[in-house]
C-alpha atoms as a PDB file:
ATOM      1  CA  MET A   1       8.095-142.884  95.432  1.00  0.00           C
ATOM      2  CA  SER A   2       6.881-140.653  92.417  1.00  0.00           C
ATOM      3  CA  LYS A   3       7.083-141.788  88.793  1.00  0.00           C
ATOM      4  CA  VAL A   4       8.305-139.208  86.755  1.00  0.00           C
ATOM      5  CA  SER A   5       9.243-139.126  82.623  1.00  0.00           C
ATOM      6  CA  LEU A   6      11.513-136.205  81.703  1.00  0.00           C
ATOM      7  CA  ILE A   7      11.330-134.721  78.314  1.00  0.00           C
ATOM      8  CA  ILE A   8      14.647-133.109  77.226  1.00  0.00           C
ATOM      9  CA  PRO A   9      14.859-132.077  73.681  1.00  0.00           C
ATOM     10  CA  THR A  10      18.279-131.686  71.847  1.00  0.00           C
ATOM     11  CA  TYR A  11      19.652-130.711  69.095  1.00  0.00           C
ATOM     12  CA  ASN A  12      23.752-130.196  68.380  1.00  0.00           C
ATOM     13  CA  GLU A  13      24.251-131.090  72.277  1.00  0.00           C
ATOM     14  CA  ARG A  14      26.528-134.250  72.343  1.00  0.00           C
ATOM     15  CA  ASP A  15      29.205-132.573  74.576  1.00  0.00           C
ATOM     16  CA  ASN A  16      26.577-131.687  77.610  1.00  0.00           C
ATOM     17  CA  ILE A  17      24.480-135.555  77.393  1.00  0.00           C
ATOM     18  CA  THR A  18      26.635-137.702  79.767  1.00  0.00           C
ATOM     19  CA  PRO A  19      27.042-134.993  82.524  1.00  0.00           C
ATOM     20  CA  LEU A  20      23.300-134.292  81.939  1.00  0.00           C
ATOM     21  CA  VAL A  21      22.330-137.804  82.396  1.00  0.00           C
ATOM     22  CA  GLU A  22      24.469-138.419  85.316  1.00  0.00           C
ATOM     23  CA  ARG A  23      23.139-135.330  87.677  1.00  0.00           C
ATOM     24  CA  ILE A  24      19.955-136.574  86.652  1.00  0.00           C
ATOM     25  CA  HIS A  25      20.329-139.667  88.013  1.00  0.00           C
ATOM     26  CA  LYS A  26      21.435-138.478  91.285  1.00  0.00           C
ATOM     27  CA  ALA A  27      18.876-135.520  91.928  1.00  0.00           C
ATOM     28  CA  LEU A  28      15.893-138.460  91.402  1.00  0.00           C
ATOM     29  CA  SER A  29      17.867-141.323  93.159  1.00  0.00           C
ATOM     30  CA  GLY A  30      14.999-143.211  95.203  1.00  0.00           C
ATOM     31  CA  ASN A  31      12.250-142.099  92.191  1.00  0.00           C
ATOM     32  CA  ASP A  32      11.139-144.219  89.390  1.00  0.00           C
ATOM     33  CA  TYR A  33      12.240-141.847  86.447  1.00  0.00           C
ATOM     34  CA  ARG A  34      12.628-142.362  82.613  1.00  0.00           C
ATOM     35  CA  ILE A  35      14.192-139.899  80.616  1.00  0.00           C
ATOM     36  CA  LEU A  36      13.020-139.368  76.708  1.00  0.00           C
ATOM     37  CA  PHE A  37      15.520-137.309  74.338  1.00  0.00           C
ATOM     38  CA  VAL A  38      13.907-135.876  71.745  1.00  0.00           C
ATOM     39  CA  ASP A  39      16.225-134.915  69.113  1.00  0.00           C
ATOM     40  CA  ASP A  40      15.978-132.767  65.745  1.00  0.00           C
ATOM     41  CA  ASN A  41      18.155-135.209  63.914  1.00  0.00           C
ATOM     42  CA  SER A  42      21.624-133.867  65.413  1.00  0.00           C
ATOM     43  CA  LYS A  43      24.827-134.111  62.977  1.00  0.00           C
ATOM     44  CA  ASP A  44      27.132-133.780  65.778  1.00  0.00           C
ATOM     45  CA  GLY A  45      25.936-137.564  67.542  1.00  0.00           C
ATOM     46  CA  THR A  46      23.847-136.536  70.286  1.00  0.00           C
ATOM     47  CA  ALA A  47      21.328-139.132  69.723  1.00  0.00           C
ATOM     48  CA  GLU A  48      24.065-142.021  69.829  1.00  0.00           C
ATOM     49  CA  ILE A  49      25.827-140.754  72.708  1.00  0.00           C
ATOM     50  CA  ALA A  50      22.373-140.698  74.403  1.00  0.00           C
ATOM     51  CA  GLY A  51      21.366-144.114  73.305  1.00  0.00           C
ATOM     52  CA  SER A  52      24.647-145.334  74.489  1.00  0.00           C
ATOM     53  CA  LEU A  53      23.566-144.660  78.059  1.00  0.00           C
ATOM     54  CA  SER A  54      20.456-146.835  77.881  1.00  0.00           C
ATOM     55  CA  ASN A  55      22.563-149.616  79.326  1.00  0.00           C
ATOM     56  CA  LYS A  56      22.946-147.878  82.593  1.00  0.00           C
ATOM     57  CA  TYR A  57      20.477-145.551  83.132  1.00  0.00           C
ATOM     58  CA  PRO A  58      17.026-145.347  81.521  1.00  0.00           C
ATOM     59  CA  VAL A  59      17.036-143.573  78.713  1.00  0.00           C
ATOM     60  CA  ASP A  60      15.013-143.442  75.374  1.00  0.00           C
ATOM     61  CA  VAL A  61      15.544-141.625  72.528  1.00  0.00           C
ATOM     62  CA  LEU A  62      13.397-140.221  69.829  1.00  0.00           C
ATOM     63  CA  VAL A  63      15.204-138.766  66.530  1.00  0.00           C
ATOM     64  CA  ARG A  64      13.067-136.756  64.271  1.00  0.00           C
ATOM     65  CA  LYS A  65      13.892-135.856  60.763  1.00  0.00           C
ATOM     66  CA  ASP A  66      11.103-134.355  59.653  1.00  0.00           C
ATOM     67  CA  LYS A  67      10.344-131.797  62.674  1.00  0.00           C
ATOM     68  CA  ARG A  68      12.522-128.731  64.391  1.00  0.00           C
ATOM     69  CA  GLY A  69      11.481-127.144  67.491  1.00  0.00           C
ATOM     70  CA  LEU A  70      11.925-127.283  71.250  1.00  0.00           C
ATOM     71  CA  ALA A  71       8.201-126.651  71.797  1.00  0.00           C
ATOM     72  CA  SER A  72       7.163-129.077  68.851  1.00  0.00           C
ATOM     73  CA  ALA A  73       9.495-131.725  70.213  1.00  0.00           C
ATOM     74  CA  ILE A  74       8.115-131.711  73.982  1.00  0.00           C
ATOM     75  CA  VAL A  75       4.669-132.419  72.678  1.00  0.00           C
ATOM     76  CA  ASP A  76       5.929-135.338  70.528  1.00  0.00           C
ATOM     77  CA  GLY A  77       7.589-136.425  73.686  1.00  0.00           C
ATOM     78  CA  LEU A  78       4.300-136.169  75.435  1.00  0.00           C
ATOM     79  CA  GLU A  79       2.881-138.464  73.331  1.00  0.00           C
ATOM     80  CA  ARG A  80       5.242-141.043  74.341  1.00  0.00           C
ATOM     81  CA  VAL A  81       5.795-140.634  77.866  1.00  0.00           C
ATOM     82  CA  ASP A  82       3.423-142.889  80.343  1.00  0.00           C
ATOM     83  CA  ALA A  83       4.201-141.223  83.773  1.00  0.00           C
ATOM     84  CA  ASP A  84       1.689-138.792  85.354  1.00  0.00           C
ATOM     85  CA  ILE A  85       4.391-136.667  86.546  1.00  0.00           C
ATOM     86  CA  VAL A  86       6.217-135.066  83.623  1.00  0.00           C
ATOM     87  CA  ALA A  87       9.398-132.721  83.697  1.00  0.00           C
ATOM     88  CA  VAL A  88      10.930-130.451  80.890  1.00  0.00           C
ATOM     89  CA  ILE A  89      14.411-129.524  81.070  1.00  0.00           C
ATOM     90  CA  ASP A  90      17.013-128.356  78.279  1.00  0.00           C
ATOM     91  CA  ALA A  91      20.185-130.369  77.668  1.00  0.00           C
ATOM     92  CA  ASP A  92      22.335-127.578  77.859  1.00  0.00           C
ATOM     93  CA  LEU A  93      22.703-127.775  81.724  1.00  0.00           C
ATOM     94  CA  GLN A  94      21.803-124.113  81.878  1.00  0.00           C
ATOM     95  CA  HIS A  95      18.985-125.618  84.019  1.00  0.00           C
ATOM     96  CA  PRO A  96      20.297-127.243  87.220  1.00  0.00           C
ATOM     97  CA  PRO A  97      19.170-130.830  87.229  1.00  0.00           C
ATOM     98  CA  GLU A  98      19.405-130.450  90.838  1.00  0.00           C
ATOM     99  CA  LEU A  99      16.289-128.875  91.250  1.00  0.00           C
ATOM    100  CA  LEU A 100      14.434-131.705  89.899  1.00  0.00           C
ATOM    101  CA  SER A 101      13.839-132.605  93.688  1.00  0.00           C
ATOM    102  CA  SER A 102      12.648-129.098  94.614  1.00  0.00           C
ATOM    103  CA  LEU A 103      10.039-129.074  92.060  1.00  0.00           C
ATOM    104  CA  LEU A 104       8.459-132.791  92.716  1.00  0.00           C
ATOM    105  CA  GLU A 105       8.378-131.634  96.493  1.00  0.00           C
ATOM    106  CA  ALA A 106       6.325-128.845  95.328  1.00  0.00           C
ATOM    107  CA  LEU A 107       3.768-131.475  93.230  1.00  0.00           C
ATOM    108  CA  ASP A 108       4.058-133.646  96.192  1.00  0.00           C
ATOM    109  CA  ASN A 109       2.473-130.507  98.414  1.00  0.00           C
ATOM    110  CA  GLY A 110      -0.095-130.137  95.719  1.00  0.00           C
ATOM    111  CA  ALA A 111       1.024-128.249  93.198  1.00  0.00           C
ATOM    112  CA  ASP A 112      -0.413-129.182  89.700  1.00  0.00           C
ATOM    113  CA  ILE A 113       2.599-127.476  87.985  1.00  0.00           C
ATOM    114  CA  ALA A 114       5.672-126.256  89.112  1.00  0.00           C
ATOM    115  CA  ILE A 115       8.196-123.968  87.373  1.00  0.00           C
ATOM    116  CA  ALA A 116      11.675-123.192  88.231  1.00  0.00           C
ATOM    117  CA  SER A 117      11.867-119.201  88.571  1.00  0.00           C
ATOM    118  CA  ARG A 118      14.104-116.556  87.741  1.00  0.00           C
ATOM    119  CA  TYR A 119      12.034-113.970  89.069  1.00  0.00           C
ATOM    120  CA  VAL A 120      10.813-115.306  92.525  1.00  0.00           C
ATOM    121  CA  PRO A 121      12.993-114.380  95.715  1.00  0.00           C
ATOM    122  CA  GLY A 122      16.080-116.522  95.326  1.00  0.00           C
ATOM    123  CA  GLY A 123      16.355-116.816  91.782  1.00  0.00           C
ATOM    124  CA  GLY A 124      18.155-114.882  88.992  1.00  0.00           C
ATOM    125  CA  CYS A 125      20.467-114.992  85.652  1.00  0.00           C
ATOM    126  CA  GLU A 126      24.434-115.914  85.770  1.00  0.00           C
ATOM    127  CA  GLY A 127      26.139-113.764  83.336  1.00  0.00           C
ATOM    128  CA  TRP A 128      23.657-111.926  81.794  1.00  0.00           C
ATOM    129  CA  ASN A 129      23.997-108.593  79.977  1.00  0.00           C
ATOM    130  CA  HIS A 130      21.471-105.379  80.495  1.00  0.00           C
ATOM    131  CA  ILE A 131      20.611-106.109  77.060  1.00  0.00           C
ATOM    132  CA  ARG A 132      19.854-109.889  77.429  1.00  0.00           C
ATOM    133  CA  ARG A 133      17.797-108.970  81.158  1.00  0.00           C
ATOM    134  CA  ILE A 134      15.923-106.304  79.175  1.00  0.00           C
ATOM    135  CA  MET A 135      14.676-108.662  76.230  1.00  0.00           C
ATOM    136  CA  SER A 136      13.673-111.398  78.805  1.00  0.00           C
ATOM    137  CA  LYS A 137      11.736-108.613  81.035  1.00  0.00           C
ATOM    138  CA  GLY A 138      10.076-107.522  77.721  1.00  0.00           C
ATOM    139  CA  ALA A 139       8.920-110.917  76.632  1.00  0.00           C
ATOM    140  CA  ILE A 140       7.328-111.532  80.158  1.00  0.00           C
ATOM    141  CA  LEU A 141       5.546-107.765  80.122  1.00  0.00           C
ATOM    142  CA  ILE A 142       4.177-109.073  76.493  1.00  0.00           C
ATOM    143  CA  ALA A 143       2.749-112.291  78.016  1.00  0.00           C
ATOM    144  CA  HIS A 144       1.318-110.415  81.007  1.00  0.00           C
ATOM    145  CA  LEU A 145      -0.423-107.601  78.699  1.00  0.00           C
ATOM    146  CA  LEU A 146      -1.800-109.837  76.030  1.00  0.00           C
ATOM    147  CA  LEU A 147      -2.736-112.741  78.145  1.00  0.00           C
ATOM    148  CA  PRO A 148      -3.748-111.895  81.316  1.00  0.00           C
ATOM    149  CA  SER A 149      -4.366-115.421  83.004  1.00  0.00           C
ATOM    150  CA  THR A 150      -0.473-115.321  82.990  1.00  0.00           C
ATOM    151  CA  ARG A 151      -0.252-112.438  85.268  1.00  0.00           C
ATOM    152  CA  SER A 152      -0.244-114.707  88.419  1.00  0.00           C
ATOM    153  CA  VAL A 153       2.969-116.280  87.295  1.00  0.00           C
ATOM    154  CA  LYS A 154       6.338-114.408  87.612  1.00  0.00           C
ATOM    155  CA  ASP A 155       8.410-116.391  84.902  1.00  0.00           C
ATOM    156  CA  PRO A 156       5.549-117.740  82.350  1.00  0.00           C
ATOM    157  CA  MET A 157       9.216-117.855  80.195  1.00  0.00           C
ATOM    158  CA  SER A 158      10.604-120.189  81.814  1.00  0.00           C
ATOM    159  CA  GLY A 159      11.549-123.654  79.942  1.00  0.00           C
ATOM    160  CA  TYR A 160      12.115-126.104  82.972  1.00  0.00           C
ATOM    161  CA  PHE A 161       8.901-126.980  84.683  1.00  0.00           C
ATOM    162  CA  MET A 162       7.562-130.152  85.898  1.00  0.00           C
ATOM    163  CA  PHE A 163       3.741-131.032  85.728  1.00  0.00           C
ATOM    164  CA  ARG A 164       0.881-133.429  85.923  1.00  0.00           C
ATOM    165  CA  LYS A 165       0.294-134.675  82.695  1.00  0.00           C
ATOM    166  CA  ARG A 166      -3.384-135.364  83.481  1.00  0.00           C
ATOM    167  CA  GLY A 167      -3.607-131.396  83.369  1.00  0.00           C
ATOM    168  CA  VAL A 168      -2.863-131.472  79.559  1.00  0.00           C
ATOM    169  CA  THR A 169      -5.361-134.562  78.344  1.00  0.00           C
ATOM    170  CA  ASP A 170      -7.531-132.512  76.808  1.00  0.00           C
ATOM    171  CA  ALA A 171      -5.452-129.470  75.229  1.00  0.00           C
ATOM    172  CA  LYS A 172      -4.749-128.829  71.983  1.00  0.00           C
ATOM    173  CA  LEU A 173      -1.459-128.050  72.292  1.00  0.00           C
ATOM    174  CA  ASN A 174      -0.147-126.154  68.776  1.00  0.00           C
ATOM    175  CA  PRO A 175       3.149-124.119  69.639  1.00  0.00           C
ATOM    176  CA  LEU A 176       5.552-121.744  67.835  1.00  0.00           C
ATOM    177  CA  GLY A 177       9.598-121.760  68.620  1.00  0.00           C
ATOM    178  CA  TYR A 178      10.521-122.173  72.252  1.00  0.00           C
ATOM    179  CA  LYS A 179       7.815-120.839  75.133  1.00  0.00           C
ATOM    180  CA  ILE A 180       6.065-124.414  75.533  1.00  0.00           C
ATOM    181  CA  LEU A 181       4.697-123.587  78.964  1.00  0.00           C
ATOM    182  CA  LEU A 182       2.821-120.753  77.742  1.00  0.00           C
ATOM    183  CA  GLU A 183       1.178-122.918  75.806  1.00  0.00           C
ATOM    184  CA  ILE A 184       0.638-125.220  78.910  1.00  0.00           C
ATOM    185  CA  LEU A 185      -0.160-122.866  81.468  1.00  0.00           C
ATOM    186  CA  LEU A 186      -3.142-121.000  78.996  1.00  0.00           C
ATOM    187  CA  LEU A 187      -4.263-124.469  77.763  1.00  0.00           C
ATOM    188  CA  GLY A 188      -4.046-126.833  80.590  1.00  0.00           C
ATOM    189  CA  ASN A 189      -5.880-127.187  83.404  1.00  0.00           C
ATOM    190  CA  PHE A 190      -4.145-126.865  86.684  1.00  0.00           C
ATOM    191  CA  ASP A 191      -5.598-125.352  89.901  1.00  0.00           C
ATOM    192  CA  LYS A 192      -2.367-124.578  91.399  1.00  0.00           C
ATOM    193  CA  VAL A 193       0.687-123.075  90.217  1.00  0.00           C
ATOM    194  CA  ALA A 194       4.121-123.223  92.231  1.00  0.00           C
ATOM    195  CA  GLU A 195       7.249-121.114  91.431  1.00  0.00           C
ATOM    196  CA  VAL A 196      10.452-122.792  92.882  1.00  0.00           C
ATOM    197  CA  PRO A 197      13.717-120.366  92.806  1.00  0.00           C
ATOM    198  CA  TYR A 198      16.933-121.499  90.352  1.00  0.00           C
ATOM    199  CA  ILE A 199      19.763-119.898  88.655  1.00  0.00           C
ATOM    200  CA  PHE A 200      19.611-119.609  85.445  1.00  0.00           C
ATOM    201  CA  ARG A 201      23.510-121.078  84.631  1.00  0.00           C
ATOM    202  CA  THR A 202      25.598-119.858  81.709  1.00  0.00           C
ATOM    203  CA  ARG A 203      26.121-122.017  78.849  1.00  0.00           C
ATOM    204  CA  THR A 204      29.591-123.652  78.971  1.00  0.00           C
ATOM    205  CA  LYS A 205      29.287-126.380  76.139  1.00  0.00           C
ATOM    206  CA  GLY A 206      27.814-126.175  72.815  1.00  0.00           C
ATOM    207  CA  GLU A 207      25.921-122.903  71.064  1.00  0.00           C
ATOM    208  CA  SER A 208      22.581-121.180  72.171  1.00  0.00           C
ATOM    209  CA  LYS A 209      19.610-121.276  70.003  1.00  0.00           C
ATOM    210  CA  LEU A 210      18.478-118.215  70.989  1.00  0.00           C
ATOM    211  CA  ASN A 211      18.130-115.730  67.897  1.00  0.00           C
ATOM    212  CA  THR A 212      16.075-113.008  65.921  1.00  0.00           C
ATOM    213  CA  ARG A 213      13.837-115.615  64.488  1.00  0.00           C
ATOM    214  CA  GLN A 214      12.847-117.097  67.764  1.00  0.00           C
ATOM    215  CA  GLN A 215      11.734-113.912  68.988  1.00  0.00           C
ATOM    216  CA  VAL A 216       9.396-113.456  65.920  1.00  0.00           C
ATOM    217  CA  GLU A 217       7.996-116.854  66.667  1.00  0.00           C
ATOM    218  CA  TYR A 218       7.819-115.597  69.990  1.00  0.00           C
ATOM    219  CA  LEU A 219       5.692-112.716  68.889  1.00  0.00           C
ATOM    220  CA  LYS A 220       3.636-115.032  66.525  1.00  0.00           C
ATOM    221  CA  HIS A 221       3.182-117.755  69.308  1.00  0.00           C
ATOM    222  CA  VAL A 222       1.617-114.888  71.539  1.00  0.00           C
ATOM    223  CA  TYR A 223      -0.613-113.974  68.503  1.00  0.00           C
ATOM    224  CA  SER A 224      -2.093-117.262  68.155  1.00  0.00           C
ATOM    225  CA  LEU A 225      -2.579-118.069  72.177  1.00  0.00           C
ATOM    226  CA  MET A 226      -4.692-114.846  71.961  1.00  0.00           C
ATOM    227  CA  ARG A 227      -6.980-115.748  69.307  1.00  0.00           C
ATOM    228  CA  ARG A 228      -7.114-119.322  70.744  1.00  0.00           C
ATOM    229  CA  THR A 229      -7.742-118.185  74.199  1.00  0.00           C
ATOM    230  CA  GLY A 230     -10.511-115.293  73.162  1.00  0.00           C
ATOM    231  CA  GLU A 231      -8.313-112.566  74.112  1.00  0.00           C
ATOM    232  CA  LEU A 232      -7.957-111.266  70.668  1.00  0.00           C
ATOM    233  CA  TRP A 233     -11.985-111.221  70.346  1.00  0.00           C
ATOM    234  CA  ARG A 234     -11.974-109.534  73.411  1.00  0.00           C
ATOM    235  CA  PHE A 235      -9.735-106.714  72.312  1.00  0.00           C
ATOM    236  CA  VAL A 236     -11.961-106.753  69.109  1.00  0.00           C
ATOM    237  CA  LYS A 237     -14.710-106.135  71.252  1.00  0.00           C
ATOM    238  CA  PHE A 238     -13.261-103.109  72.940  1.00  0.00           C
ATOM    239  CA  CYS A 239     -12.365-101.725  69.425  1.00  0.00           C
ATOM    240  CA  MET A 240     -16.279-101.835  68.333  1.00  0.00           C
ATOM    241  CA  VAL A 241     -17.131-100.609  71.512  1.00  0.00           C
ATOM    242  CA  GLY A 242     -14.701 -97.671  71.136  1.00  0.00           C
ATOM    243  CA  GLY A 243     -16.228 -96.792  67.907  1.00  0.00           C
ATOM    244  CA  SER A 244     -19.766 -96.909  69.021  1.00  0.00           C
ATOM    245  CA  GLY A 245     -18.093 -94.249  71.512  1.00  0.00           C
ATOM    246  CA  VAL A 246     -16.915 -91.662  68.980  1.00  0.00           C
ATOM    247  CA  GLY A 247     -21.014 -91.849  67.623  1.00  0.00           C
ATOM    248  CA  VAL A 248     -21.936 -91.187  70.925  1.00  0.00           C
ATOM    249  CA  ASP A 249     -19.503 -88.527  71.177  1.00  0.00           C
ATOM    250  CA  GLU A 250     -20.516 -86.976  67.874  1.00  0.00           C
ATOM    251  CA  GLY A 251     -24.344 -86.889  68.140  1.00  0.00           C
ATOM    252  CA  MET A 252     -24.148 -85.610  72.148  1.00  0.00           C
ATOM    253  CA  LEU A 253     -22.089 -82.918  71.093  1.00  0.00           C
ATOM    254  CA  TYR A 254     -24.132 -81.640  68.200  1.00  0.00           C
ATOM    255  CA  LEU A 255     -27.499 -82.238  70.728  1.00  0.00           C
ATOM    256  CA  LEU A 256     -25.424 -79.553  73.339  1.00  0.00           C
ATOM    257  CA  ALA A 257     -23.765 -77.275  71.017  1.00  0.00           C
ATOM    258  CA  GLY A 258     -25.738 -77.384  67.684  1.00  0.00           C
ATOM    259  CA  ILE A 259     -29.203 -77.508  68.740  1.00  0.00           C
ATOM    260  CA  GLY A 260     -29.174 -76.492  72.400  1.00  0.00           C
ATOM    261  CA  GLY A 261     -26.787 -73.701  71.929  1.00  0.00           C
ATOM    262  CA  LEU A 262     -24.138 -74.676  74.746  1.00  0.00           C
ATOM    263  CA  ARG A 263     -21.465 -72.248  74.622  1.00  0.00           C
ATOM    264  CA  PRO A 264     -18.974 -72.093  75.055  1.00  0.00           C
ATOM    265  CA  VAL A 265     -18.561 -75.348  72.538  1.00  0.00           C
ATOM    266  CA  GLU A 266     -15.344 -76.679  74.703  1.00  0.00           C
ATOM    267  CA  LEU A 267     -17.837 -76.864  77.436  1.00  0.00           C
ATOM    268  CA  ALA A 268     -20.361 -79.103  75.241  1.00  0.00           C
ATOM    269  CA  SER A 269     -17.281 -80.997  74.042  1.00  0.00           C
ATOM    270  CA  ALA A 270     -16.018 -82.071  77.381  1.00  0.00           C
ATOM    271  CA  LEU A 271     -19.558 -82.977  78.373  1.00  0.00           C
ATOM    272  CA  SER A 272     -20.238 -84.876  75.262  1.00  0.00           C
ATOM    273  CA  ALA A 273     -16.611 -86.517  75.755  1.00  0.00           C
ATOM    274  CA  GLU A 274     -17.379 -88.029  79.024  1.00  0.00           C
ATOM    275  CA  THR A 275     -20.978 -89.447  77.991  1.00  0.00           C
ATOM    276  CA  ALA A 276     -18.742 -91.725  75.534  1.00  0.00           C
ATOM    277  CA  ILE A 277     -16.941 -92.549  78.245  1.00  0.00           C
ATOM    278  CA  ILE A 278     -20.196 -93.563  80.061  1.00  0.00           C
ATOM    279  CA  SER A 279     -21.527 -95.295  77.090  1.00  0.00           C
ATOM    280  CA  ASN A 280     -18.363 -97.165  76.101  1.00  0.00           C
ATOM    281  CA  PHE A 281     -17.719 -98.271  80.407  1.00  0.00           C
ATOM    282  CA  THR A 282     -21.321 -99.744  80.489  1.00  0.00           C
ATOM    283  CA  LEU A 283     -20.962-101.940  76.847  1.00  0.00           C
ATOM    284  CA  ASN A 284     -17.494-102.982  77.990  1.00  0.00           C
ATOM    285  CA  ASP A 285     -18.689-103.547  81.619  1.00  0.00           C
ATOM    286  CA  ILE A 286     -21.394-105.547  79.865  1.00  0.00           C
ATOM    287  CA  PHE A 287     -19.671-107.136  76.969  1.00  0.00           C
ATOM    288  CA  THR A 288     -16.376-106.875  76.465  1.00  0.00           C
ATOM    289  CA  PHE A 289     -15.052-108.041  79.896  1.00  0.00           C
ATOM    290  CA  ARG A 290     -18.335-109.453  81.315  1.00  0.00           C
ATOM    291  CA  ASP A 291     -16.254-112.644  82.698  1.00  0.00           C
ATOM    292  CA  ARG A 292     -13.887-110.543  84.699  1.00  0.00           C
ATOM    293  CA  ARG A 293     -16.268-108.215  86.374  1.00  0.00           C
ATOM    294  CA  SER A 294     -16.692-108.415  90.465  1.00  0.00           C
ATOM    295  CA  PRO A 295     -20.737-108.286  91.701  1.00  0.00           C
ATOM    296  CA  GLY A 296     -22.009-105.534  93.592  1.00  0.00           C
ATOM    297  CA  VAL A 297     -22.541-101.326  93.317  1.00  0.00           C
ATOM    298  CA  LYS A 298     -19.422-100.680  95.099  1.00  0.00           C
ATOM    299  CA  ALA A 299     -17.214-102.957  92.829  1.00  0.00           C
ATOM    300  CA  LYS A 300     -18.714-101.398  89.671  1.00  0.00           C
ATOM    301  CA  LEU A 301     -18.064 -97.637  90.797  1.00  0.00           C
ATOM    302  CA  ASN A 302     -14.727 -98.714  91.419  1.00  0.00           C
ATOM    303  CA  ARG A 303     -14.040 -99.938  88.112  1.00  0.00           C
ATOM    304  CA  PHE A 304     -15.943 -97.083  86.506  1.00  0.00           C
ATOM    305  CA  TRP A 305     -13.536 -94.468  87.905  1.00  0.00           C
ATOM    306  CA  LYS A 306     -10.725 -96.575  86.860  1.00  0.00           C
ATOM    307  CA  PHE A 307     -11.787 -96.648  83.365  1.00  0.00           C
ATOM    308  CA  ASN A 308     -12.793 -93.093  83.685  1.00  0.00           C
ATOM    309  CA  LEU A 309      -9.026 -91.890  84.926  1.00  0.00           C
ATOM    310  CA  ILE A 310      -7.444 -94.055  82.158  1.00  0.00           C
ATOM    311  CA  CYS A 311      -9.312 -93.091  78.887  1.00  0.00           C
ATOM    312  CA  LEU A 312      -8.813 -89.578  79.846  1.00  0.00           C
ATOM    313  CA  ALA A 313      -5.358 -90.185  80.144  1.00  0.00           C
ATOM    314  CA  GLY A 314      -5.794 -91.888  76.615  1.00  0.00           C
ATOM    315  CA  VAL A 315      -7.462 -88.370  75.631  1.00  0.00           C
ATOM    316  CA  GLY A 316      -3.961 -86.897  76.780  1.00  0.00           C
ATOM    317  CA  ILE A 317      -1.879 -89.083  74.972  1.00  0.00           C
ATOM    318  CA  LYS A 318      -3.842 -88.952  71.516  1.00  0.00           C
ATOM    319  CA  VAL A 319      -3.801 -85.388  71.427  1.00  0.00           C
ATOM    320  CA  GLY A 320       0.099 -85.492  72.074  1.00  0.00           C
ATOM    321  CA  VAL A 321       0.778 -87.872  69.601  1.00  0.00           C
ATOM    322  CA  LEU A 322      -1.421 -85.685  67.183  1.00  0.00           C
ATOM    323  CA  SER A 323       0.220 -82.716  67.964  1.00  0.00           C
ATOM    324  CA  LEU A 324       4.048 -84.103  67.771  1.00  0.00           C
ATOM    325  CA  LEU A 325       3.037 -86.060  64.372  1.00  0.00           C
ATOM    326  CA  TYR A 326       1.225 -82.606  63.132  1.00  0.00           C
ATOM    327  CA  ASN A 327       3.685 -79.457  64.187  1.00  0.00           C
ATOM    328  CA  PHE A 328       7.353 -81.727  64.369  1.00  0.00           C
ATOM    329  CA  ALA A 329       6.898 -84.694  61.735  1.00  0.00           C
ATOM    330  CA  GLY A 330       4.458 -82.569  59.218  1.00  0.00           C
ATOM    331  CA  MET A 331       2.080 -84.975  58.944  1.00  0.00           C
ATOM    332  CA  HIS A 332      -1.370 -84.170  57.774  1.00  0.00           C
ATOM    333  CA  TYR A 333      -3.415 -83.997  60.622  1.00  0.00           C
ATOM    334  CA  LEU A 334      -6.140 -85.873  59.658  1.00  0.00           C
ATOM    335  CA  LEU A 335      -3.666 -89.151  59.590  1.00  0.00           C
ATOM    336  CA  ALA A 336      -1.867 -87.738  63.271  1.00  0.00           C
ATOM    337  CA  ASN A 337      -4.949 -87.750  64.617  1.00  0.00           C
ATOM    338  CA  LEU A 338      -5.974 -91.450  63.448  1.00  0.00           C
ATOM    339  CA  VAL A 339      -2.235 -92.633  64.578  1.00  0.00           C
ATOM    340  CA  GLY A 340      -3.228 -90.927  68.155  1.00  0.00           C
ATOM    341  CA  ILE A 341      -6.344 -92.873  67.989  1.00  0.00           C
ATOM    342  CA  ALA A 342      -5.089 -95.959  67.447  1.00  0.00           C
ATOM    343  CA  VAL A 343      -2.229 -95.300  70.305  1.00  0.00           C
ATOM    344  CA  ALA A 344      -4.564 -94.258  72.860  1.00  0.00           C
ATOM    345  CA  THR A 345      -7.018 -97.238  72.117  1.00  0.00           C
ATOM    346  CA  LEU A 346      -4.065 -99.511  72.924  1.00  0.00           C
ATOM    347  CA  TRP A 347      -3.256 -97.744  75.974  1.00  0.00           C
ATOM    348  CA  ASN A 348      -7.034 -98.155  76.877  1.00  0.00           C
ATOM    349  CA  TYR A 349      -7.006-101.416  76.449  1.00  0.00           C
ATOM    350  CA  LEU A 350      -3.771-102.467  78.100  1.00  0.00           C
ATOM    351  CA  LEU A 351      -4.992-100.145  81.376  1.00  0.00           C
ATOM    352  CA  ASN A 352      -7.890-101.243  81.570  1.00  0.00           C
ATOM    353  CA  THR A 353      -7.218-105.047  81.052  1.00  0.00           C
ATOM    354  CA  TRP A 354      -4.430-104.737  84.030  1.00  0.00           C
ATOM    355  CA  VAL A 355      -6.267-102.412  86.052  1.00  0.00           C
ATOM    356  CA  THR A 356      -9.790-102.047  85.711  1.00  0.00           C
ATOM    357  CA  TRP A 357     -11.256-105.700  84.705  1.00  0.00           C
ATOM    358  CA  ARG A 358      -8.440-107.690  86.086  1.00  0.00           C
END
């Protein structure tokens, strides 16, 4: 029989508390479980209702009067639960409690963390419009692009998951906003991740907490994770290598066309550009992506051709942006060129982290 602690952050969810606890009790019957509600000083009596259930169910309530936020509520909850298996679930019944048994089964089968996923076969979102779906997929794409270690997880934005607490024993969790799973995946220690499909239900009682502020906090959280995991420093190194490539390009062009007299100058420019690409690849392979490169000559050649094609496309993007801003927006050509370089640099970095150095 497994011992499970459930952490449920709440704020003004009084109408959902009783049915939630009843359904959790049915889902985990036969298991030793305990529920901890972490309430952000709700004004509608949420904490009082949760506390009144402690006579019948294994329920504890922690009321926070000086803090707000779902993610920080879960961190505070982790400090108070004692079971090795911890589940995180929302109080709004959009996460079906009946799935808890399936998440627990995934852990019993060897997973270190089991995620209720909307984006694996069998999963989905009930009643979402196109804008909500685009926002959700866009948030996942941002995580996959900027935090590459999340790419193996289809739904790293899920708020419903179960994990072994020892996986975060040494993690310094400091999340922002609502997306605590990103923090746990990136800073925790989990060898095996399982995703269990579920349907995200439509809220029937209470009000949604999703707003523009939460979206901004998500972007701040991604930036914070990039900084703490070293991905931001990786991007800085990529830009430094790119800056050195400009010097290689200019120097080689001067040697070929200025000193060597190679004509037409376009040929000299093409050769100097390719020299810079080779230099950039070599430095990035040694300096920027040293921890991601596969051994062997064949693997290195494969990376080189991918890098070459991506960077050549980047040249086309830079020229296209320059032309658009200069010819149609009236921007000074030097400023337009800088914007083109910035866009191309972002393209080169994102595509190379996605394709060349996975």
